[in-house]
Structures are given as C-alpha cells and as structure tokens.
Amino acid sequence: MDSRIIQGRLEDVDVISQLFNEYRQFYGQADDLPLARSFIAERLSDNSSIIFLAIDSHDLGLGFVQLYPGFSSISTKPVLNLNDLFVTKHARCVGLGVKLMKLVIQYARDHGISKLVLETQEANQPARSLYTSLGFEVDNDFLTYSLDIKR
C-alpha cells in the first residue's frame, strides 16, 4: 500500500478528524464528527499536540498518531505521551502502525525526549504486541489512577 506520513497541520483537520472520529468509535464513543473536528482543530491551533498523519497517494487518511508533550518531574526531562494511535481497517496488516511508531521514536530522539509513555487496553493484544516488538515495556512500578470528574 502506497503511503506517506506527514506532520498534521490545520489544513489537514478534515482528514485527521475523520480518523479521530473512527478512533473514538473503536473505543466505544458515539459517532460525532463535529466534536472530533472541534477537538482536533483546537489541538492543531494551539499546538497542544503533535499529530503525524499517514495518507495514501490520493491524500486519503490511513492512520494517525497523536502525542502530547510534557515533562517528568523525577527525571526533569521532556516526555511525550502517546495518547492515540489508529490505522483504518483497510490499511491494517501492511505495517503502517509500525511505520507511524518508528517515526514517533525517531522524532523523540531528534527532539531530546527522554521517554515515550502510552496506555492501551489490556485486551488490545494487537497494540500490545506492536509496542512490545518496538521495545516498550510494561511499567510494574507505578499504578495508574483516574478520577471521573463528571460523576
């Protein structure tokens, strides 16, 4: 499958939003393209995330990865939270997820990032296999807690 990966820009909001909407549906959220578009447009406008977009030769979206920059107080170094990775059904099994992840790893190296962190559902075996194959390790030292403020 012919594809290329670019860094997402505001001009790419419609393509990224479609993929982001599919990604959210994968995780059980309602189909809401206007919400997806608004969220992605804000991330791109205020530079609060870094998005890499995989597109085909017709500029159709095949997948994306979204990163949120942050810092580690313990290491006092920058980190990237890999929050979203998604590849469309018709583009899976051709190595696109690997290509996106390798690009993220190289981006982190090139920008002095000390650590990439991510979460995935325990049942998401394909994602877990991908991350493990690239050298990611499960962190058994720290527990993740969350508080749903809306409840």
N, C-alpha and C. Protein backbone atom coordinates (compact mmCIF):
# COMPACT_ATOMS: atom_id res chain seq x y z
N MET A 1 0.85 -1.19 0.00
CA MET A 1 0.00 0.00 0.00
C MET A 1 0.89 1.24 0.00
N ASP A 2 0.68 2.09 -0.97
CA ASP A 2 1.46 3.32 -1.12
C ASP A 2 0.97 4.34 -0.09
N SER A 3 1.89 4.82 0.73
CA SER A 3 1.52 5.83 1.73
C SER A 3 2.72 6.69 2.06
N ARG A 4 2.41 7.83 2.66
CA ARG A 4 3.45 8.70 3.20
C ARG A 4 2.93 9.28 4.50
N ILE A 5 3.85 9.68 5.35
CA ILE A 5 3.49 10.23 6.65
C ILE A 5 3.95 11.67 6.71
N ILE A 6 3.04 12.54 7.12
CA ILE A 6 3.33 13.96 7.25
C ILE A 6 2.97 14.41 8.66
N GLN A 7 3.53 15.53 9.07
CA GLN A 7 3.09 16.12 10.34
C GLN A 7 1.81 16.89 10.06
N GLY A 8 0.79 16.60 10.88
CA GLY A 8 -0.51 17.22 10.68
C GLY A 8 -0.48 18.72 10.89
N ARG A 9 -1.21 19.42 10.04
CA ARG A 9 -1.35 20.87 10.12
C ARG A 9 -2.83 21.20 10.15
N LEU A 10 -3.13 22.44 10.42
CA LEU A 10 -4.52 22.87 10.47
C LEU A 10 -5.24 22.60 9.15
N GLU A 11 -4.51 22.67 8.04
CA GLU A 11 -5.11 22.39 6.73
C GLU A 11 -5.55 20.92 6.60
N ASP A 12 -5.03 20.06 7.47
CA ASP A 12 -5.35 18.63 7.42
C ASP A 12 -6.46 18.25 8.39
N VAL A 13 -7.10 19.24 8.99
CA VAL A 13 -8.06 18.96 10.07
C VAL A 13 -9.19 18.03 9.64
N ASP A 14 -9.68 18.15 8.43
CA ASP A 14 -10.80 17.30 8.00
C ASP A 14 -10.38 15.83 7.89
N VAL A 15 -9.21 15.58 7.34
CA VAL A 15 -8.73 14.21 7.20
C VAL A 15 -8.44 13.61 8.58
N ILE A 16 -7.75 14.36 9.43
CA ILE A 16 -7.43 13.87 10.77
C ILE A 16 -8.70 13.65 11.59
N SER A 17 -9.64 14.57 11.48
CA SER A 17 -10.88 14.47 12.25
C SER A 17 -11.67 13.22 11.91
N GLN A 18 -11.70 12.86 10.65
CA GLN A 18 -12.40 11.63 10.25
C GLN A 18 -11.76 10.42 10.91
N LEU A 19 -10.43 10.37 10.88
CA LEU A 19 -9.72 9.26 11.52
C LEU A 19 -9.92 9.28 13.03
N PHE A 20 -9.86 10.47 13.62
CA PHE A 20 -10.03 10.61 15.06
C PHE A 20 -11.43 10.16 15.48
N ASN A 21 -12.43 10.48 14.68
CA ASN A 21 -13.80 10.05 14.95
C ASN A 21 -13.90 8.51 14.92
N GLU A 22 -13.24 7.88 13.94
CA GLU A 22 -13.23 6.42 13.87
C GLU A 22 -12.50 5.82 15.08
N TYR A 23 -11.41 6.45 15.46
CA TYR A 23 -10.64 6.01 16.62
C TYR A 23 -11.51 6.03 17.88
N ARG A 24 -12.23 7.11 18.08
CA ARG A 24 -13.09 7.23 19.27
C ARG A 24 -14.20 6.17 19.24
N GLN A 25 -14.73 5.89 18.06
CA GLN A 25 -15.75 4.84 17.94
C GLN A 25 -15.16 3.47 18.28
N PHE A 26 -13.91 3.24 17.91
CA PHE A 26 -13.23 1.99 18.26
C PHE A 26 -13.24 1.78 19.77
N TYR A 27 -13.14 2.88 20.51
CA TYR A 27 -13.13 2.83 21.97
C TYR A 27 -14.52 3.07 22.57
N GLY A 28 -15.56 2.85 21.77
CA GLY A 28 -16.91 2.84 22.30
C GLY A 28 -17.61 4.18 22.38
N GLN A 29 -17.04 5.23 21.81
CA GLN A 29 -17.68 6.54 21.83
C GLN A 29 -18.63 6.68 20.64
N ALA A 30 -19.59 7.57 20.77
CA ALA A 30 -20.58 7.80 19.72
C ALA A 30 -19.93 8.46 18.51
N ASP A 31 -20.48 8.18 17.35
CA ASP A 31 -20.07 8.85 16.12
C ASP A 31 -20.41 10.33 16.26
N ASP A 32 -19.40 11.19 16.26
CA ASP A 32 -19.62 12.63 16.44
C ASP A 32 -18.50 13.38 15.72
N LEU A 33 -18.63 13.46 14.41
CA LEU A 33 -17.61 14.13 13.61
C LEU A 33 -17.45 15.61 13.97
N PRO A 34 -18.51 16.37 14.24
CA PRO A 34 -18.30 17.77 14.64
C PRO A 34 -17.46 17.90 15.92
N LEU A 35 -17.70 17.03 16.89
CA LEU A 35 -16.90 17.04 18.11
C LEU A 35 -15.45 16.70 17.80
N ALA A 36 -15.24 15.68 16.99
CA ALA A 36 -13.89 15.27 16.61
C ALA A 36 -13.16 16.42 15.90
N ARG A 37 -13.86 17.07 14.99
CA ARG A 37 -13.25 18.17 14.24
C ARG A 37 -12.88 19.32 15.16
N SER A 38 -13.78 19.67 16.06
CA SER A 38 -13.53 20.76 17.01
C SER A 38 -12.31 20.45 17.88
N PHE A 39 -12.25 19.22 18.39
CA PHE A 39 -11.14 18.82 19.26
C PHE A 39 -9.81 18.87 18.52
N ILE A 40 -9.77 18.29 17.32
CA ILE A 40 -8.52 18.27 16.55
C ILE A 40 -8.13 19.68 16.11
N ALA A 41 -9.08 20.48 15.69
CA ALA A 41 -8.77 21.85 15.28
C ALA A 41 -8.15 22.63 16.43
N GLU A 42 -8.67 22.44 17.62
CA GLU A 42 -8.12 23.13 18.79
C GLU A 42 -6.70 22.67 19.09
N ARG A 43 -6.46 21.36 19.01
CA ARG A 43 -5.11 20.82 19.27
C ARG A 43 -4.11 21.38 18.26
N LEU A 44 -4.52 21.48 17.00
CA LEU A 44 -3.61 21.98 15.97
C LEU A 44 -3.44 23.49 16.07
N SER A 45 -4.50 24.19 16.43
CA SER A 45 -4.43 25.66 16.53
C SER A 45 -3.55 26.13 17.66
N ASP A 46 -3.66 25.44 18.80
CA ASP A 46 -2.88 25.90 19.96
C ASP A 46 -1.58 25.10 20.16
N ASN A 47 -1.26 24.24 19.20
CA ASN A 47 -0.04 23.43 19.26
C ASN A 47 0.08 22.63 20.55
N SER A 48 -1.05 22.17 21.08
CA SER A 48 -1.01 21.39 22.32
C SER A 48 -0.75 19.91 22.07
N SER A 49 -0.79 19.49 20.82
CA SER A 49 -0.41 18.12 20.49
C SER A 49 0.36 18.10 19.18
N ILE A 50 1.03 16.98 18.96
CA ILE A 50 1.76 16.73 17.73
C ILE A 50 1.07 15.55 17.06
N ILE A 51 0.69 15.73 15.81
CA ILE A 51 -0.03 14.68 15.10
C ILE A 51 0.73 14.33 13.83
N PHE A 52 0.95 13.03 13.65
CA PHE A 52 1.50 12.54 12.40
C PHE A 52 0.39 11.79 11.68
N LEU A 53 0.26 12.07 10.40
CA LEU A 53 -0.84 11.58 9.58
C LEU A 53 -0.31 10.75 8.43
N ALA A 54 -0.82 9.53 8.29
CA ALA A 54 -0.49 8.67 7.16
C ALA A 54 -1.57 8.84 6.10
N ILE A 55 -1.16 9.16 4.89
CA ILE A 55 -2.11 9.36 3.79
C ILE A 55 -1.66 8.54 2.59
N ASP A 56 -2.63 8.22 1.73
CA ASP A 56 -2.30 7.48 0.51
C ASP A 56 -2.00 8.46 -0.62
N SER A 57 -1.82 7.94 -1.82
CA SER A 57 -1.45 8.77 -2.97
C SER A 57 -2.56 9.73 -3.39
N HIS A 58 -3.78 9.52 -2.87
CA HIS A 58 -4.91 10.41 -3.16
C HIS A 58 -5.22 11.32 -1.98
N ASP A 59 -4.29 11.39 -1.02
CA ASP A 59 -4.43 12.20 0.19
C ASP A 59 -5.58 11.76 1.09
N LEU A 60 -5.95 10.48 1.01
CA LEU A 60 -6.95 9.93 1.92
C LEU A 60 -6.25 9.43 3.18
N GLY A 61 -6.86 9.66 4.33
CA GLY A 61 -6.27 9.29 5.59
C GLY A 61 -6.25 7.78 5.81
N LEU A 62 -5.10 7.27 6.22
CA LEU A 62 -4.94 5.85 6.51
C LEU A 62 -4.72 5.59 8.00
N GLY A 63 -4.20 6.58 8.69
CA GLY A 63 -3.93 6.42 10.11
C GLY A 63 -3.28 7.68 10.67
N PHE A 64 -3.18 7.70 11.99
CA PHE A 64 -2.55 8.84 12.64
C PHE A 64 -2.04 8.43 14.02
N VAL A 65 -1.18 9.25 14.55
CA VAL A 65 -0.72 9.13 15.92
C VAL A 65 -0.72 10.53 16.51
N GLN A 66 -1.17 10.66 17.76
CA GLN A 66 -1.24 11.96 18.43
C GLN A 66 -0.43 11.89 19.72
N LEU A 67 0.43 12.87 19.88
CA LEU A 67 1.35 12.95 21.01
C LEU A 67 1.09 14.24 21.80
N TYR A 68 1.20 14.13 23.11
CA TYR A 68 1.07 15.29 23.97
C TYR A 68 2.38 15.51 24.71
N PRO A 69 3.03 16.64 24.49
CA PRO A 69 4.30 16.92 25.18
C PRO A 69 4.07 17.17 26.67
N GLY A 70 5.04 16.77 27.44
CA GLY A 70 5.00 17.01 28.88
C GLY A 70 6.40 16.90 29.45
N PHE A 71 6.47 16.82 30.77
CA PHE A 71 7.75 16.74 31.45
C PHE A 71 7.66 15.71 32.57
N SER A 72 8.80 15.13 32.88
CA SER A 72 8.90 14.26 34.04
C SER A 72 9.58 15.04 35.15
N SER A 73 8.89 15.17 36.26
CA SER A 73 9.47 15.85 37.42
C SER A 73 10.61 15.04 38.01
N ILE A 74 10.52 13.72 37.92
CA ILE A 74 11.56 12.87 38.50
C ILE A 74 12.85 12.96 37.70
N SER A 75 12.75 12.84 36.39
CA SER A 75 13.97 12.92 35.56
C SER A 75 14.29 14.35 35.14
N THR A 76 13.36 15.26 35.35
CA THR A 76 13.49 16.67 34.93
C THR A 76 13.81 16.78 33.44
N LYS A 77 13.16 15.93 32.67
CA LYS A 77 13.35 15.92 31.21
C LYS A 77 12.00 15.87 30.50
N PRO A 78 11.99 16.26 29.23
CA PRO A 78 10.74 16.20 28.48
C PRO A 78 10.33 14.77 28.15
N VAL A 79 9.03 14.54 28.13
CA VAL A 79 8.45 13.25 27.76
C VAL A 79 7.34 13.50 26.75
N LEU A 80 6.98 12.46 26.05
CA LEU A 80 5.83 12.52 25.15
C LEU A 80 4.84 11.46 25.57
N ASN A 81 3.59 11.87 25.71
CA ASN A 81 2.51 10.93 25.97
C ASN A 81 1.89 10.57 24.63
N LEU A 82 2.08 9.32 24.24
CA LEU A 82 1.47 8.84 23.01
C LEU A 82 0.03 8.46 23.37
N ASN A 83 -0.87 9.35 23.08
CA ASN A 83 -2.25 9.16 23.51
C ASN A 83 -3.09 8.38 22.51
N ASP A 84 -2.86 8.57 21.22
CA ASP A 84 -3.71 7.98 20.20
C ASP A 84 -2.87 7.40 19.08
N LEU A 85 -3.17 6.17 18.72
CA LEU A 85 -2.62 5.55 17.52
C LEU A 85 -3.77 4.82 16.86
N PHE A 86 -3.98 5.10 15.57
CA PHE A 86 -5.09 4.48 14.86
C PHE A 86 -4.72 4.27 13.41
N VAL A 87 -5.07 3.09 12.90
CA VAL A 87 -4.92 2.76 11.48
C VAL A 87 -6.26 2.22 11.01
N THR A 88 -6.74 2.71 9.88
CA THR A 88 -8.04 2.27 9.36
C THR A 88 -8.02 0.77 9.06
N LYS A 89 -9.21 0.17 9.05
CA LYS A 89 -9.31 -1.28 8.84
C LYS A 89 -8.64 -1.72 7.54
N HIS A 90 -8.86 -0.96 6.46
CA HIS A 90 -8.31 -1.38 5.16
C HIS A 90 -6.80 -1.14 5.05
N ALA A 91 -6.21 -0.45 6.02
CA ALA A 91 -4.77 -0.20 5.98
C ALA A 91 -4.01 -1.00 7.04
N ARG A 92 -4.71 -1.84 7.78
CA ARG A 92 -4.05 -2.67 8.79
C ARG A 92 -3.33 -3.84 8.12
N CYS A 93 -2.41 -4.39 8.84
CA CYS A 93 -1.65 -5.58 8.40
C CYS A 93 -0.69 -5.30 7.25
N VAL A 94 -0.37 -4.03 7.00
CA VAL A 94 0.63 -3.71 5.98
C VAL A 94 1.81 -2.95 6.59
N GLY A 95 1.86 -2.92 7.93
CA GLY A 95 2.99 -2.29 8.61
C GLY A 95 2.87 -0.81 8.85
N LEU A 96 1.70 -0.25 8.64
CA LEU A 96 1.55 1.20 8.82
C LEU A 96 1.69 1.62 10.29
N GLY A 97 1.15 0.81 11.19
CA GLY A 97 1.30 1.10 12.62
C GLY A 97 2.77 1.12 13.02
N VAL A 98 3.53 0.17 12.50
CA VAL A 98 4.96 0.12 12.78
C VAL A 98 5.65 1.37 12.23
N LYS A 99 5.30 1.76 11.00
CA LYS A 99 5.91 2.95 10.40
C LYS A 99 5.60 4.20 11.23
N LEU A 100 4.35 4.35 11.67
CA LEU A 100 3.99 5.51 12.50
C LEU A 100 4.78 5.49 13.81
N MET A 101 4.86 4.33 14.43
CA MET A 101 5.56 4.24 15.71
C MET A 101 7.06 4.49 15.55
N LYS A 102 7.66 3.97 14.50
CA LYS A 102 9.09 4.22 14.28
C LYS A 102 9.36 5.69 14.02
N LEU A 103 8.45 6.35 13.33
CA LEU A 103 8.60 7.78 13.10
C LEU A 103 8.52 8.53 14.43
N VAL A 104 7.60 8.15 15.30
CA VAL A 104 7.46 8.79 16.61
C VAL A 104 8.74 8.59 17.43
N ILE A 105 9.28 7.38 17.42
CA ILE A 105 10.51 7.10 18.16
C ILE A 105 11.65 7.96 17.64
N GLN A 106 11.77 8.08 16.32
CA GLN A 106 12.83 8.92 15.75
C GLN A 106 12.60 10.39 16.08
N TYR A 107 11.35 10.83 16.03
CA TYR A 107 11.01 12.21 16.39
C TYR A 107 11.45 12.47 17.83
N ALA A 108 11.15 11.55 18.73
CA ALA A 108 11.54 11.71 20.14
C ALA A 108 13.06 11.81 20.27
N ARG A 109 13.77 10.96 19.59
CA ARG A 109 15.25 11.02 19.65
C ARG A 109 15.77 12.35 19.12
N ASP A 110 15.22 12.78 17.99
CA ASP A 110 15.67 14.03 17.37
C ASP A 110 15.36 15.27 18.21
N HIS A 111 14.36 15.18 19.09
CA HIS A 111 13.95 16.34 19.88
C HIS A 111 14.31 16.23 21.36
N GLY A 112 15.20 15.34 21.69
CA GLY A 112 15.70 15.24 23.05
C GLY A 112 14.67 14.77 24.07
N ILE A 113 13.71 14.01 23.62
CA ILE A 113 12.68 13.48 24.51
C ILE A 113 13.29 12.30 25.28
N SER A 114 13.08 12.28 26.60
CA SER A 114 13.69 11.23 27.41
C SER A 114 12.86 9.95 27.45
N LYS A 115 11.55 10.07 27.25
CA LYS A 115 10.70 8.88 27.39
C LYS A 115 9.41 9.06 26.61
N LEU A 116 8.97 7.97 26.01
CA LEU A 116 7.63 7.89 25.41
C LEU A 116 6.78 7.05 26.35
N VAL A 117 5.61 7.56 26.71
CA VAL A 117 4.71 6.80 27.57
C VAL A 117 3.38 6.63 26.85
N LEU A 118 2.72 5.50 27.12
CA LEU A 118 1.43 5.25 26.50
C LEU A 118 0.64 4.29 27.36
N GLU A 119 -0.65 4.26 27.10
CA GLU A 119 -1.55 3.30 27.73
C GLU A 119 -2.35 2.63 26.63
N THR A 120 -2.72 1.39 26.88
CA THR A 120 -3.64 0.70 25.98
C THR A 120 -4.48 -0.25 26.82
N GLN A 121 -5.60 -0.62 26.29
CA GLN A 121 -6.45 -1.56 27.00
C GLN A 121 -5.75 -2.91 27.08
N GLU A 122 -5.93 -3.57 28.20
CA GLU A 122 -5.31 -4.88 28.40
C GLU A 122 -5.73 -5.86 27.31
N ALA A 123 -6.97 -5.75 26.85
CA ALA A 123 -7.50 -6.68 25.85
C ALA A 123 -7.03 -6.36 24.42
N ASN A 124 -6.39 -5.22 24.21
CA ASN A 124 -5.96 -4.82 22.87
C ASN A 124 -4.63 -5.50 22.53
N GLN A 125 -4.70 -6.80 22.26
CA GLN A 125 -3.50 -7.59 22.02
C GLN A 125 -2.70 -7.13 20.80
N PRO A 126 -3.34 -6.75 19.68
CA PRO A 126 -2.52 -6.28 18.55
C PRO A 126 -1.66 -5.06 18.91
N ALA A 127 -2.23 -4.11 19.64
CA ALA A 127 -1.46 -2.93 20.05
C ALA A 127 -0.35 -3.32 21.02
N ARG A 128 -0.68 -4.17 21.98
CA ARG A 128 0.32 -4.59 22.95
C ARG A 128 1.49 -5.30 22.27
N SER A 129 1.19 -6.14 21.29
CA SER A 129 2.24 -6.84 20.55
C SER A 129 3.12 -5.85 19.79
N LEU A 130 2.49 -4.86 19.17
CA LEU A 130 3.24 -3.84 18.44
C LEU A 130 4.19 -3.11 19.38
N TYR A 131 3.67 -2.63 20.50
CA TYR A 131 4.51 -1.85 21.43
C TYR A 131 5.67 -2.70 21.96
N THR A 132 5.38 -3.93 22.33
CA THR A 132 6.42 -4.82 22.84
C THR A 132 7.49 -5.07 21.78
N SER A 133 7.07 -5.25 20.54
CA SER A 133 8.02 -5.52 19.46
C SER A 133 8.96 -4.35 19.22
N LEU A 134 8.54 -3.15 19.62
CA LEU A 134 9.35 -1.96 19.43
C LEU A 134 10.17 -1.59 20.67
N GLY A 135 10.11 -2.46 21.70
CA GLY A 135 10.93 -2.23 22.89
C GLY A 135 10.22 -1.59 24.06
N PHE A 136 8.94 -1.27 23.92
CA PHE A 136 8.20 -0.72 25.05
C PHE A 136 8.04 -1.80 26.12
N GLU A 137 8.09 -1.40 27.38
CA GLU A 137 7.95 -2.33 28.48
C GLU A 137 6.79 -1.91 29.37
N VAL A 138 6.11 -2.89 29.93
CA VAL A 138 5.04 -2.61 30.89
C VAL A 138 5.69 -2.07 32.16
N ASP A 139 5.16 -0.97 32.68
CA ASP A 139 5.67 -0.38 33.91
C ASP A 139 4.97 -1.04 35.10
N ASN A 140 5.71 -1.84 35.83
CA ASN A 140 5.16 -2.51 37.01
C ASN A 140 5.44 -1.75 38.30
N ASP A 141 6.14 -0.60 38.20
CA ASP A 141 6.49 0.17 39.38
C ASP A 141 5.43 1.18 39.78
N PHE A 142 4.65 1.65 38.81
CA PHE A 142 3.66 2.69 39.07
C PHE A 142 2.27 2.19 38.69
N LEU A 143 1.31 2.57 39.47
CA LEU A 143 -0.09 2.27 39.18
C LEU A 143 -0.73 3.50 38.55
N THR A 144 -1.66 3.29 37.66
CA THR A 144 -2.39 4.40 37.06
C THR A 144 -3.73 4.54 37.78
N TYR A 145 -4.00 5.73 38.27
CA TYR A 145 -5.27 6.05 38.91
C TYR A 145 -5.98 7.09 38.06
N SER A 146 -7.29 7.09 38.12
CA SER A 146 -8.05 8.15 37.44
C SER A 146 -9.28 8.46 38.27
N LEU A 147 -9.77 9.66 38.07
CA LEU A 147 -10.97 10.12 38.74
C LEU A 147 -11.88 10.74 37.71
N ASP A 148 -13.06 10.18 37.53
CA ASP A 148 -14.01 10.72 36.58
C ASP A 148 -14.72 11.90 37.24
N ILE A 149 -14.37 13.09 36.86
CA ILE A 149 -14.88 14.32 37.47
C ILE A 149 -16.37 14.52 37.18
N LYS A 150 -16.87 13.99 36.08
CA LYS A 150 -18.27 14.19 35.71
C LYS A 150 -19.23 13.39 36.58
N ARG A 151 -18.74 12.37 37.28
CA ARG A 151 -19.63 11.53 38.11
C ARG A 151 -20.03 12.21 39.36
